[in-house]
Amino acid sequence: MYRLGKSAGWAFAIASLALLAGVSAWIAYGSSGPRVTQDYEECADEAKINASSGPEYSKLIIHCGERFAGRRKAGGGYAYFDFMQNKTFDIAGPNPTESEREQIDRSYMEFLATTRRETILSELMKAQADLEEAGIDRSRQNVGAPLALTPKIPLPAKRPVVEHSKTCEDGSLSCGWAKLSTAVRNAFASSNEASR
C-alpha cells in the first residue's frame, strides 16, 4: 500500500475545500440569477425591476406577452382575451390548455358564421330596399303630367226681380215699406249667394 505524506494530505484537503467552495458558489450564483416567472403579472414585475431604460422595458413587456396569453383575474384564476371576437374566456392557467384552445376556436367559428349571416342578411335587406325604391321611382315616371285642378267658381245667383207696383208712385207709407223690405231681402240674398 502506498501512503501519502502529510503535505499531500493537506493538499488534498485544501483541494477538496476549494472544490466544495466552488460548487456552493456556483449554486448560489445560479439561484441569484433571474428567476422563472409563473405568469404575465410576475413577468411584468420582473421587467420593471430589470429594465434600465424605457425601450428595454417595452421589449421585456412584449416578451412577457408572447410567453403568457392569459391575465390574472381579481378573484383568482386567469382570463384570455380574444381580440378577434372581442370576447374573454376563463382559462385554468396563464396559458390556455389544448382543450381550452379548441373551445376558443369553436367559439370563433360560430362567431364567423353569425357575422357572415348578419352580413348576408344586411346586404339582402339593402338590395330589397333598393329594388323597392327603384320601383317607386319607375311608377312616378309612368304617371304622366299632373292634372290641372281648377276650382269650381259658383255662378252668381239670379237676383229676384224687384217688382215695382205702379201704385207705389204716390210716395205713401205702404209703398215705402214695400220698397224697403224688397231691398233688405235682395241684400241678404246676394250676401248668402256670395258666401256659398
N, C-alpha and C. Protein backbone atom coordinates (compact mmCIF):
# COMPACT_ATOMS: atom_id res chain seq x y z
N MET A 1 0.81 -1.16 0.00
CA MET A 1 0.00 0.00 0.00
C MET A 1 0.87 1.24 0.00
N TYR A 2 0.32 2.19 -0.67
CA TYR A 2 1.03 3.44 -0.82
C TYR A 2 0.50 4.42 0.19
N ARG A 3 1.34 5.05 0.89
CA ARG A 3 0.94 6.02 1.91
C ARG A 3 1.30 7.41 1.44
N LEU A 4 0.37 8.33 1.64
CA LEU A 4 0.61 9.72 1.29
C LEU A 4 1.29 10.40 2.45
N GLY A 5 2.04 11.39 2.10
CA GLY A 5 2.70 12.15 3.13
C GLY A 5 1.77 13.20 3.68
N LYS A 6 2.28 13.84 4.75
CA LYS A 6 1.47 14.86 5.39
C LYS A 6 1.18 16.01 4.44
N SER A 7 2.11 16.42 3.66
CA SER A 7 1.89 17.56 2.77
C SER A 7 0.88 17.21 1.67
N ALA A 8 0.92 15.97 1.22
CA ALA A 8 -0.05 15.57 0.20
C ALA A 8 -1.43 15.51 0.80
N GLY A 9 -1.58 15.14 2.03
CA GLY A 9 -2.88 15.08 2.69
C GLY A 9 -3.49 16.46 2.84
N TRP A 10 -2.56 17.38 3.23
CA TRP A 10 -3.04 18.76 3.36
C TRP A 10 -3.46 19.32 2.00
N ALA A 11 -2.73 19.01 0.99
CA ALA A 11 -3.05 19.49 -0.35
C ALA A 11 -4.40 18.93 -0.81
N PHE A 12 -4.62 17.65 -0.49
CA PHE A 12 -5.89 17.03 -0.84
C PHE A 12 -7.04 17.69 -0.09
N ALA A 13 -6.87 18.00 1.16
CA ALA A 13 -7.90 18.63 1.98
C ALA A 13 -8.21 20.03 1.46
N ILE A 14 -7.15 20.76 1.11
CA ILE A 14 -7.35 22.12 0.60
C ILE A 14 -8.06 22.07 -0.76
N ALA A 15 -7.68 21.14 -1.60
CA ALA A 15 -8.32 21.00 -2.90
C ALA A 15 -9.79 20.63 -2.73
N SER A 16 -10.09 19.75 -1.78
CA SER A 16 -11.47 19.36 -1.51
C SER A 16 -12.28 20.56 -1.03
N LEU A 17 -11.70 21.33 -0.13
CA LEU A 17 -12.40 22.52 0.37
C LEU A 17 -12.62 23.53 -0.75
N ALA A 18 -11.64 23.72 -1.61
CA ALA A 18 -11.76 24.66 -2.72
C ALA A 18 -12.86 24.18 -3.68
N LEU A 19 -12.89 22.89 -3.92
CA LEU A 19 -13.91 22.33 -4.79
C LEU A 19 -15.30 22.52 -4.18
N LEU A 20 -15.41 22.26 -2.88
CA LEU A 20 -16.68 22.45 -2.18
C LEU A 20 -17.10 23.92 -2.22
N ALA A 21 -16.17 24.84 -2.02
CA ALA A 21 -16.48 26.27 -2.07
C ALA A 21 -16.90 26.68 -3.48
N GLY A 22 -16.25 26.13 -4.49
CA GLY A 22 -16.61 26.44 -5.87
C GLY A 22 -18.00 25.96 -6.22
N VAL A 23 -18.33 24.75 -5.77
CA VAL A 23 -19.68 24.20 -6.05
C VAL A 23 -20.75 25.04 -5.35
N SER A 24 -20.52 25.39 -4.09
CA SER A 24 -21.53 26.18 -3.38
C SER A 24 -21.65 27.58 -3.98
N ALA A 25 -20.55 28.17 -4.46
CA ALA A 25 -20.62 29.48 -5.11
C ALA A 25 -21.39 29.39 -6.42
N TRP A 26 -21.18 28.31 -7.16
CA TRP A 26 -21.90 28.12 -8.42
C TRP A 26 -23.39 27.97 -8.17
N ILE A 27 -23.75 27.22 -7.14
CA ILE A 27 -25.17 27.04 -6.81
C ILE A 27 -25.77 28.38 -6.39
N ALA A 28 -25.04 29.13 -5.54
CA ALA A 28 -25.55 30.43 -5.09
C ALA A 28 -25.68 31.40 -6.27
N TYR A 29 -24.74 31.40 -7.18
CA TYR A 29 -24.79 32.29 -8.34
C TYR A 29 -25.97 31.92 -9.24
N GLY A 30 -26.18 30.64 -9.45
CA GLY A 30 -27.28 30.17 -10.30
C GLY A 30 -28.63 30.54 -9.73
N SER A 31 -28.77 30.51 -8.41
CA SER A 31 -30.07 30.83 -7.82
C SER A 31 -30.28 32.33 -7.70
N SER A 32 -29.22 33.13 -7.76
CA SER A 32 -29.39 34.57 -7.65
C SER A 32 -29.71 35.20 -9.00
N GLY A 33 -29.66 34.46 -10.08
CA GLY A 33 -29.98 34.96 -11.42
C GLY A 33 -31.48 35.20 -11.55
N PRO A 34 -31.93 35.59 -12.72
CA PRO A 34 -33.35 35.86 -12.89
C PRO A 34 -34.15 34.58 -12.66
N ARG A 35 -35.16 34.72 -11.84
CA ARG A 35 -35.97 33.54 -11.52
C ARG A 35 -37.00 33.32 -12.61
N VAL A 36 -37.54 32.14 -12.69
CA VAL A 36 -38.53 31.80 -13.70
C VAL A 36 -39.88 32.33 -13.23
N THR A 37 -40.50 33.16 -14.05
CA THR A 37 -41.79 33.74 -13.69
C THR A 37 -42.91 32.76 -14.02
N GLN A 38 -43.98 32.86 -13.25
CA GLN A 38 -45.09 31.91 -13.38
C GLN A 38 -46.22 32.41 -14.29
N ASP A 39 -46.36 33.73 -14.40
CA ASP A 39 -47.43 34.27 -15.24
C ASP A 39 -47.06 35.67 -15.73
N TYR A 40 -47.93 36.29 -16.49
CA TYR A 40 -47.67 37.59 -17.09
C TYR A 40 -47.39 38.66 -16.04
N GLU A 41 -48.16 38.67 -14.98
CA GLU A 41 -48.01 39.70 -13.97
C GLU A 41 -46.64 39.63 -13.29
N GLU A 42 -46.18 38.41 -12.96
CA GLU A 42 -44.84 38.26 -12.38
C GLU A 42 -43.77 38.68 -13.39
N CYS A 43 -43.98 38.33 -14.63
CA CYS A 43 -43.03 38.69 -15.69
C CYS A 43 -42.96 40.22 -15.82
N ALA A 44 -44.09 40.89 -15.76
CA ALA A 44 -44.12 42.35 -15.86
C ALA A 44 -43.42 42.99 -14.66
N ASP A 45 -43.61 42.41 -13.47
CA ASP A 45 -42.92 42.92 -12.28
C ASP A 45 -41.41 42.78 -12.44
N GLU A 46 -40.96 41.64 -12.95
CA GLU A 46 -39.53 41.42 -13.19
C GLU A 46 -39.01 42.42 -14.22
N ALA A 47 -39.81 42.71 -15.22
CA ALA A 47 -39.39 43.66 -16.26
C ALA A 47 -39.17 45.04 -15.65
N LYS A 48 -40.03 45.45 -14.72
CA LYS A 48 -39.87 46.75 -14.06
C LYS A 48 -38.55 46.80 -13.28
N ILE A 49 -38.23 45.69 -12.62
CA ILE A 49 -37.02 45.64 -11.80
C ILE A 49 -35.77 45.61 -12.67
N ASN A 50 -35.78 44.82 -13.73
CA ASN A 50 -34.58 44.57 -14.52
C ASN A 50 -34.35 45.57 -15.65
N ALA A 51 -35.34 46.32 -16.03
CA ALA A 51 -35.18 47.24 -17.17
C ALA A 51 -34.41 48.48 -16.74
N SER A 52 -33.46 48.86 -17.57
CA SER A 52 -32.67 50.05 -17.26
C SER A 52 -33.15 51.27 -18.05
N SER A 53 -34.00 51.05 -19.07
CA SER A 53 -34.49 52.16 -19.87
C SER A 53 -35.89 51.84 -20.37
N GLY A 54 -36.55 52.85 -20.92
CA GLY A 54 -37.90 52.68 -21.46
C GLY A 54 -37.97 51.69 -22.59
N PRO A 55 -37.09 51.79 -23.59
CA PRO A 55 -37.15 50.82 -24.70
C PRO A 55 -36.88 49.37 -24.24
N GLU A 56 -35.97 49.22 -23.28
CA GLU A 56 -35.69 47.87 -22.77
C GLU A 56 -36.91 47.32 -22.04
N TYR A 57 -37.59 48.18 -21.26
CA TYR A 57 -38.81 47.77 -20.55
C TYR A 57 -39.88 47.35 -21.56
N SER A 58 -40.05 48.11 -22.63
CA SER A 58 -41.04 47.77 -23.66
C SER A 58 -40.73 46.42 -24.28
N LYS A 59 -39.45 46.18 -24.54
CA LYS A 59 -39.04 44.90 -25.13
C LYS A 59 -39.35 43.75 -24.17
N LEU A 60 -39.07 43.95 -22.87
CA LEU A 60 -39.34 42.89 -21.89
C LEU A 60 -40.84 42.64 -21.74
N ILE A 61 -41.66 43.69 -21.77
CA ILE A 61 -43.12 43.53 -21.66
C ILE A 61 -43.66 42.78 -22.87
N ILE A 62 -43.15 43.10 -24.04
CA ILE A 62 -43.57 42.38 -25.25
C ILE A 62 -43.23 40.90 -25.11
N HIS A 63 -42.05 40.62 -24.59
CA HIS A 63 -41.65 39.23 -24.37
C HIS A 63 -42.59 38.54 -23.39
N CYS A 64 -43.00 39.25 -22.34
CA CYS A 64 -43.95 38.68 -21.37
C CYS A 64 -45.28 38.34 -22.05
N GLY A 65 -45.75 39.23 -22.91
CA GLY A 65 -46.99 38.98 -23.63
C GLY A 65 -46.89 37.79 -24.57
N GLU A 66 -45.70 37.57 -25.14
CA GLU A 66 -45.50 36.41 -26.01
C GLU A 66 -45.49 35.11 -25.22
N ARG A 67 -44.95 35.15 -23.99
CA ARG A 67 -44.85 33.94 -23.17
C ARG A 67 -46.17 33.54 -22.54
N PHE A 68 -46.98 34.54 -22.13
CA PHE A 68 -48.20 34.26 -21.38
C PHE A 68 -49.41 34.91 -22.06
N ALA A 69 -50.37 34.09 -22.46
CA ALA A 69 -51.56 34.59 -23.14
C ALA A 69 -52.62 35.07 -22.16
N GLY A 70 -52.69 34.42 -21.00
CA GLY A 70 -53.72 34.77 -20.02
C GLY A 70 -53.28 35.87 -19.07
N ARG A 71 -54.27 36.49 -18.44
CA ARG A 71 -54.01 37.50 -17.42
C ARG A 71 -54.75 37.10 -16.15
N ARG A 72 -54.14 37.43 -15.01
CA ARG A 72 -54.77 37.11 -13.73
C ARG A 72 -56.09 37.83 -13.57
N LYS A 73 -57.06 37.13 -12.98
CA LYS A 73 -58.34 37.76 -12.64
C LYS A 73 -58.29 38.17 -11.18
N ALA A 74 -59.07 39.16 -10.82
CA ALA A 74 -59.06 39.68 -9.44
C ALA A 74 -59.46 38.61 -8.43
N GLY A 75 -60.42 37.79 -8.74
CA GLY A 75 -60.89 36.78 -7.80
C GLY A 75 -60.12 35.47 -7.86
N GLY A 76 -59.08 35.41 -8.67
CA GLY A 76 -58.32 34.18 -8.85
C GLY A 76 -58.59 33.58 -10.22
N GLY A 77 -57.67 32.78 -10.68
CA GLY A 77 -57.79 32.19 -12.00
C GLY A 77 -57.25 33.13 -13.06
N TYR A 78 -57.45 32.75 -14.30
CA TYR A 78 -56.91 33.51 -15.42
C TYR A 78 -57.99 33.72 -16.48
N ALA A 79 -57.80 34.76 -17.27
CA ALA A 79 -58.72 35.06 -18.37
C ALA A 79 -57.89 35.28 -19.63
N TYR A 80 -58.43 34.81 -20.75
CA TYR A 80 -57.79 35.00 -22.06
C TYR A 80 -58.72 35.87 -22.89
N PHE A 81 -58.19 36.97 -23.43
CA PHE A 81 -58.99 37.87 -24.28
C PHE A 81 -58.67 37.60 -25.74
N ASP A 82 -59.71 37.24 -26.49
CA ASP A 82 -59.56 37.02 -27.94
C ASP A 82 -60.04 38.28 -28.65
N PHE A 83 -59.09 39.06 -29.18
CA PHE A 83 -59.44 40.33 -29.80
C PHE A 83 -60.22 40.15 -31.09
N MET A 84 -60.11 38.99 -31.75
CA MET A 84 -60.85 38.75 -32.99
C MET A 84 -62.36 38.68 -32.72
N GLN A 85 -62.72 38.13 -31.54
CA GLN A 85 -64.13 38.02 -31.19
C GLN A 85 -64.56 39.12 -30.22
N ASN A 86 -63.58 39.88 -29.70
CA ASN A 86 -63.83 40.88 -28.67
C ASN A 86 -64.54 40.20 -27.49
N LYS A 87 -63.94 39.08 -27.04
CA LYS A 87 -64.57 38.25 -26.02
C LYS A 87 -63.50 37.68 -25.10
N THR A 88 -63.84 37.53 -23.81
CA THR A 88 -62.91 36.99 -22.82
C THR A 88 -63.33 35.57 -22.44
N PHE A 89 -62.34 34.69 -22.30
CA PHE A 89 -62.59 33.29 -21.92
C PHE A 89 -61.86 33.00 -20.61
N ASP A 90 -62.50 32.27 -19.71
CA ASP A 90 -61.84 31.83 -18.48
C ASP A 90 -60.96 30.63 -18.82
N ILE A 91 -59.70 30.64 -18.31
CA ILE A 91 -58.78 29.53 -18.54
C ILE A 91 -58.18 29.14 -17.20
N ALA A 92 -57.65 27.92 -17.14
CA ALA A 92 -57.15 27.37 -15.87
C ALA A 92 -55.80 27.96 -15.46
N GLY A 93 -54.92 28.24 -16.41
CA GLY A 93 -53.58 28.70 -16.08
C GLY A 93 -53.22 29.94 -16.87
N PRO A 94 -51.94 30.31 -16.83
CA PRO A 94 -51.51 31.51 -17.55
C PRO A 94 -51.56 31.38 -19.08
N ASN A 95 -51.63 30.14 -19.57
CA ASN A 95 -51.78 29.88 -21.00
C ASN A 95 -52.91 28.87 -21.18
N PRO A 96 -53.70 28.99 -22.25
CA PRO A 96 -54.79 28.03 -22.45
C PRO A 96 -54.28 26.62 -22.71
N THR A 97 -55.00 25.64 -22.18
CA THR A 97 -54.67 24.24 -22.47
C THR A 97 -55.17 23.91 -23.87
N GLU A 98 -54.86 22.71 -24.32
CA GLU A 98 -55.28 22.29 -25.66
C GLU A 98 -56.81 22.27 -25.77
N SER A 99 -57.49 21.75 -24.76
CA SER A 99 -58.96 21.71 -24.82
C SER A 99 -59.55 23.13 -24.77
N GLU A 100 -58.91 24.03 -24.01
CA GLU A 100 -59.38 25.41 -23.96
C GLU A 100 -59.17 26.10 -25.31
N ARG A 101 -58.06 25.78 -25.97
CA ARG A 101 -57.82 26.34 -27.31
C ARG A 101 -58.89 25.85 -28.30
N GLU A 102 -59.25 24.58 -28.20
CA GLU A 102 -60.29 24.04 -29.08
C GLU A 102 -61.63 24.73 -28.83
N GLN A 103 -61.94 24.99 -27.55
CA GLN A 103 -63.19 25.68 -27.22
C GLN A 103 -63.17 27.11 -27.79
N ILE A 104 -62.05 27.80 -27.67
CA ILE A 104 -61.92 29.16 -28.21
C ILE A 104 -62.06 29.13 -29.73
N ASP A 105 -61.46 28.13 -30.38
CA ASP A 105 -61.56 28.01 -31.83
C ASP A 105 -63.00 27.73 -32.27
N ARG A 106 -63.71 26.85 -31.55
CA ARG A 106 -65.12 26.57 -31.87
C ARG A 106 -65.96 27.85 -31.73
N SER A 107 -65.70 28.59 -30.67
CA SER A 107 -66.42 29.85 -30.46
C SER A 107 -66.13 30.83 -31.60
N TYR A 108 -64.91 30.85 -32.06
CA TYR A 108 -64.55 31.75 -33.15
C TYR A 108 -65.25 31.35 -34.45
N MET A 109 -65.35 30.04 -34.70
CA MET A 109 -66.05 29.56 -35.90
C MET A 109 -67.53 29.96 -35.84
N GLU A 110 -68.15 29.83 -34.67
CA GLU A 110 -69.55 30.25 -34.50
C GLU A 110 -69.68 31.77 -34.71
N PHE A 111 -68.72 32.51 -34.20
CA PHE A 111 -68.70 33.97 -34.37
C PHE A 111 -68.64 34.33 -35.86
N LEU A 112 -67.76 33.65 -36.61
CA LEU A 112 -67.64 33.92 -38.04
C LEU A 112 -68.94 33.59 -38.78
N ALA A 113 -69.56 32.46 -38.42
CA ALA A 113 -70.82 32.07 -39.07
C ALA A 113 -71.91 33.10 -38.80
N THR A 114 -72.01 33.55 -37.56
CA THR A 114 -73.02 34.56 -37.20
C THR A 114 -72.75 35.86 -37.93
N THR A 115 -71.50 36.28 -37.96
CA THR A 115 -71.14 37.52 -38.65
C THR A 115 -71.46 37.42 -40.14
N ARG A 116 -71.17 36.27 -40.73
CA ARG A 116 -71.45 36.06 -42.16
C ARG A 116 -72.95 36.13 -42.42
N ARG A 117 -73.75 35.47 -41.56
CA ARG A 117 -75.21 35.51 -41.73
C ARG A 117 -75.73 36.94 -41.62
N GLU A 118 -75.24 37.68 -40.63
CA GLU A 118 -75.69 39.06 -40.45
C GLU A 118 -75.30 39.92 -41.64
N THR A 119 -74.12 39.70 -42.19
CA THR A 119 -73.68 40.47 -43.35
C THR A 119 -74.55 40.17 -44.57
N ILE A 120 -74.82 38.89 -44.80
CA ILE A 120 -75.65 38.50 -45.94
C ILE A 120 -77.06 39.05 -45.78
N LEU A 121 -77.63 38.95 -44.58
CA LEU A 121 -78.97 39.47 -44.32
C LEU A 121 -79.02 40.97 -44.54
N SER A 122 -78.00 41.67 -44.08
CA SER A 122 -77.93 43.13 -44.27
C SER A 122 -77.87 43.48 -45.75
N GLU A 123 -77.06 42.75 -46.52
CA GLU A 123 -76.96 43.01 -47.95
C GLU A 123 -78.27 42.72 -48.67
N LEU A 124 -78.97 41.65 -48.26
CA LEU A 124 -80.26 41.33 -48.87
C LEU A 124 -81.29 42.42 -48.57
N MET A 125 -81.31 42.90 -47.33
CA MET A 125 -82.26 43.95 -46.96
C MET A 125 -81.96 45.23 -47.74
N LYS A 126 -80.70 45.55 -47.93
CA LYS A 126 -80.32 46.75 -48.68
C LYS A 126 -80.73 46.59 -50.14
N ALA A 127 -80.52 45.40 -50.72
CA ALA A 127 -80.90 45.16 -52.11
C ALA A 127 -82.42 45.26 -52.26
N GLN A 128 -83.17 44.73 -51.30
CA GLN A 128 -84.63 44.80 -51.33
C GLN A 128 -85.09 46.26 -51.27
N ALA A 129 -84.48 47.04 -50.38
CA ALA A 129 -84.83 48.46 -50.27
C ALA A 129 -84.51 49.20 -51.57
N ASP A 130 -83.39 48.86 -52.20
CA ASP A 130 -83.02 49.50 -53.47
C ASP A 130 -84.03 49.15 -54.56
N LEU A 131 -84.48 47.89 -54.60
CA LEU A 131 -85.48 47.48 -55.59
C LEU A 131 -86.80 48.21 -55.37
N GLU A 132 -87.21 48.30 -54.11
CA GLU A 132 -88.47 48.99 -53.82
C GLU A 132 -88.37 50.46 -54.19
N GLU A 133 -87.25 51.09 -53.89
CA GLU A 133 -87.06 52.49 -54.23
C GLU A 133 -87.05 52.68 -55.75
N ALA A 134 -86.41 51.76 -56.47
CA ALA A 134 -86.39 51.85 -57.92
C ALA A 134 -87.80 51.66 -58.48
N GLY A 135 -88.60 50.78 -57.90
CA GLY A 135 -89.99 50.58 -58.33
C GLY A 135 -90.83 51.82 -58.09
N ILE A 136 -90.62 52.48 -56.98
CA ILE A 136 -91.36 53.71 -56.69
C ILE A 136 -90.96 54.79 -57.69
N ASP A 137 -89.67 54.92 -57.96
CA ASP A 137 -89.20 55.91 -58.93
C ASP A 137 -89.78 55.63 -60.32
N ARG A 138 -89.83 54.36 -60.72
CA ARG A 138 -90.35 53.97 -62.02
C ARG A 138 -91.84 54.28 -62.11
N SER A 139 -92.57 54.01 -61.02
CA SER A 139 -94.01 54.27 -61.06
C SER A 139 -94.28 55.77 -61.12
N ARG A 140 -93.43 56.56 -60.54
CA ARG A 140 -93.59 58.01 -60.61
C ARG A 140 -93.34 58.51 -62.03
N GLN A 141 -92.43 57.88 -62.73
CA GLN A 141 -92.10 58.31 -64.08
C GLN A 141 -93.23 57.98 -65.06
N ASN A 142 -93.99 56.92 -64.84
CA ASN A 142 -95.03 56.48 -65.76
C ASN A 142 -96.35 57.20 -65.55
N VAL A 143 -96.49 58.03 -64.59
CA VAL A 143 -97.76 58.66 -64.28
C VAL A 143 -98.16 59.67 -65.34
N GLY A 144 -97.26 60.41 -65.82
CA GLY A 144 -97.57 61.43 -66.82
C GLY A 144 -97.64 62.80 -66.16
N ALA A 145 -98.16 63.73 -66.94
CA ALA A 145 -98.23 65.11 -66.45
C ALA A 145 -99.28 65.20 -65.34
N PRO A 146 -99.06 66.07 -64.38
CA PRO A 146 -100.04 66.21 -63.31
C PRO A 146 -101.32 66.86 -63.83
N LEU A 147 -102.42 66.48 -63.22
CA LEU A 147 -103.71 67.03 -63.62
C LEU A 147 -103.81 68.46 -63.14
N ALA A 148 -104.42 69.28 -63.96
CA ALA A 148 -104.64 70.66 -63.58
C ALA A 148 -106.02 70.74 -62.95
N LEU A 149 -106.05 71.00 -61.69
CA LEU A 149 -107.32 71.11 -60.99
C LEU A 149 -107.68 72.58 -60.90
N THR A 150 -108.85 72.88 -61.39
CA THR A 150 -109.32 74.26 -61.31
C THR A 150 -110.48 74.31 -60.34
N PRO A 151 -110.50 75.29 -59.50
CA PRO A 151 -111.60 75.37 -58.54
C PRO A 151 -112.90 75.74 -59.26
N LYS A 152 -113.95 75.18 -58.79
CA LYS A 152 -115.26 75.46 -59.37
C LYS A 152 -115.80 76.73 -58.73
N ILE A 153 -115.94 77.73 -59.55
CA ILE A 153 -116.44 79.00 -59.06
C ILE A 153 -117.95 79.05 -59.31
N PRO A 154 -118.69 79.24 -58.27
CA PRO A 154 -120.16 79.26 -58.48
C PRO A 154 -120.56 80.53 -59.24
N LEU A 155 -121.49 80.34 -60.11
CA LEU A 155 -122.03 81.47 -60.87
C LEU A 155 -122.91 82.31 -59.95
N PRO A 156 -122.92 83.56 -60.16
CA PRO A 156 -123.77 84.38 -59.29
C PRO A 156 -125.24 84.03 -59.48
N ALA A 157 -125.92 83.99 -58.40
CA ALA A 157 -127.35 83.63 -58.45
C ALA A 157 -128.15 84.77 -59.06
N LYS A 158 -129.17 84.37 -59.66
CA LYS A 158 -130.03 85.37 -60.28
C LYS A 158 -130.77 86.10 -59.16
N ARG A 159 -130.75 87.36 -59.29
CA ARG A 159 -131.45 88.16 -58.29
C ARG A 159 -132.94 88.23 -58.64
N PRO A 160 -133.63 88.17 -57.59
CA PRO A 160 -135.07 88.29 -57.89
C PRO A 160 -135.40 89.69 -58.45
N VAL A 161 -136.26 89.64 -59.34
CA VAL A 161 -136.65 90.88 -59.99
C VAL A 161 -137.54 91.67 -59.03
N VAL A 162 -137.17 92.89 -58.85
CA VAL A 162 -137.95 93.74 -57.96
C VAL A 162 -139.13 94.29 -58.76
N GLU A 163 -140.22 93.98 -58.24
CA GLU A 163 -141.42 94.45 -58.93
C GLU A 163 -141.85 95.78 -58.32
N HIS A 164 -141.95 96.70 -59.16
CA HIS A 164 -142.43 98.00 -58.69
C HIS A 164 -143.90 98.10 -59.10
N SER A 165 -144.61 98.15 -58.13
CA SER A 165 -146.03 98.29 -58.47
C SER A 165 -146.29 99.72 -58.94
N LYS A 166 -147.13 99.79 -59.78
CA LYS A 166 -147.43 101.09 -60.35
C LYS A 166 -148.22 101.94 -59.38
N THR A 167 -148.70 101.29 -58.35
CA THR A 167 -149.50 102.05 -57.39
C THR A 167 -148.61 102.74 -56.39
N CYS A 168 -147.26 102.43 -56.39
CA CYS A 168 -146.37 102.99 -55.39
C CYS A 168 -145.73 104.28 -55.85
N GLU A 169 -146.25 104.89 -56.72
CA GLU A 169 -145.63 106.10 -57.19
C GLU A 169 -146.08 107.33 -56.41
N ASP A 170 -147.02 107.14 -55.58
CA ASP A 170 -147.54 108.30 -54.88
C ASP A 170 -146.74 108.67 -53.64
N GLY A 171 -145.79 107.79 -53.18
CA GLY A 171 -144.96 108.09 -52.02
C GLY A 171 -145.64 107.81 -50.71
N SER A 172 -146.60 106.91 -50.72
CA SER A 172 -147.29 106.57 -49.48
C SER A 172 -146.44 105.67 -48.60
N LEU A 173 -146.88 105.52 -47.38
CA LEU A 173 -146.15 104.71 -46.41
C LEU A 173 -146.14 103.26 -46.82
N SER A 174 -147.18 102.72 -47.28
CA SER A 174 -147.23 101.32 -47.70
C SER A 174 -146.31 101.10 -48.88
N CYS A 175 -146.22 102.02 -49.73
CA CYS A 175 -145.34 101.90 -50.88
C CYS A 175 -143.88 101.96 -50.42
N GLY A 176 -143.53 102.80 -49.51
CA GLY A 176 -142.16 102.89 -48.98
C GLY A 176 -141.75 101.63 -48.23
N TRP A 177 -142.73 101.09 -47.46
CA TRP A 177 -142.47 99.86 -46.72
C TRP A 177 -142.19 98.71 -47.68
N ALA A 178 -142.88 98.56 -48.73
CA ALA A 178 -142.69 97.50 -49.71
C ALA A 178 -141.32 97.64 -50.37
N LYS A 179 -140.93 98.86 -50.69
CA LYS A 179 -139.62 99.09 -51.30
C LYS A 179 -138.49 98.74 -50.33
N LEU A 180 -138.67 99.10 -49.06
CA LEU A 180 -137.64 98.81 -48.05
C LEU A 180 -137.48 97.32 -47.83
N SER A 181 -138.56 96.59 -47.67
CA SER A 181 -138.48 95.15 -47.43
C SER A 181 -137.89 94.42 -48.64
N THR A 182 -138.19 94.87 -49.84
CA THR A 182 -137.63 94.25 -51.04
C THR A 182 -136.13 94.50 -51.10
N ALA A 183 -135.69 95.68 -50.76
CA ALA A 183 -134.26 95.99 -50.78
C ALA A 183 -133.50 95.16 -49.75
N VAL A 184 -134.07 94.98 -48.53
CA VAL A 184 -133.41 94.16 -47.49
C VAL A 184 -133.34 92.71 -47.93
N ARG A 185 -134.41 92.17 -48.49
CA ARG A 185 -134.42 90.79 -48.97
C ARG A 185 -133.34 90.59 -50.04
N ASN A 186 -133.25 91.51 -50.94
CA ASN A 186 -132.25 91.41 -52.03
C ASN A 186 -130.82 91.47 -51.47
N ALA A 187 -130.60 92.30 -50.48
CA ALA A 187 -129.25 92.41 -49.89
C ALA A 187 -128.86 91.11 -49.19
N PHE A 188 -129.77 90.52 -48.40
CA PHE A 188 -129.47 89.25 -47.73
C PHE A 188 -129.30 88.12 -48.73
N ALA A 189 -130.07 88.10 -49.75
CA ALA A 189 -129.99 87.05 -50.76
C ALA A 189 -128.62 87.13 -51.47
N SER A 190 -128.17 88.31 -51.81
CA SER A 190 -126.90 88.42 -52.52
C SER A 190 -125.73 88.09 -51.61
N SER A 191 -125.80 88.45 -50.31
CA SER A 191 -124.70 88.09 -49.40
C SER A 191 -124.67 86.59 -49.13
N ASN A 192 -125.80 85.92 -49.07
CA ASN A 192 -125.85 84.46 -48.90
C ASN A 192 -125.27 83.76 -50.13
N GLU A 193 -125.54 84.27 -51.30
CA GLU A 193 -125.02 83.68 -52.53
C GLU A 193 -123.50 83.83 -52.61
N ALA A 194 -122.99 84.95 -52.17
CA ALA A 194 -121.56 85.20 -52.24
C ALA A 194 -120.79 84.34 -51.22
N SER A 195 -121.38 84.04 -50.09
CA SER A 195 -120.69 83.23 -49.07
C SER A 195 -120.67 81.76 -49.42
N ARG A 196 -121.49 81.32 -50.32
CA ARG A 196 -121.51 79.90 -50.71
C ARG A 196 -120.34 79.66 -51.58
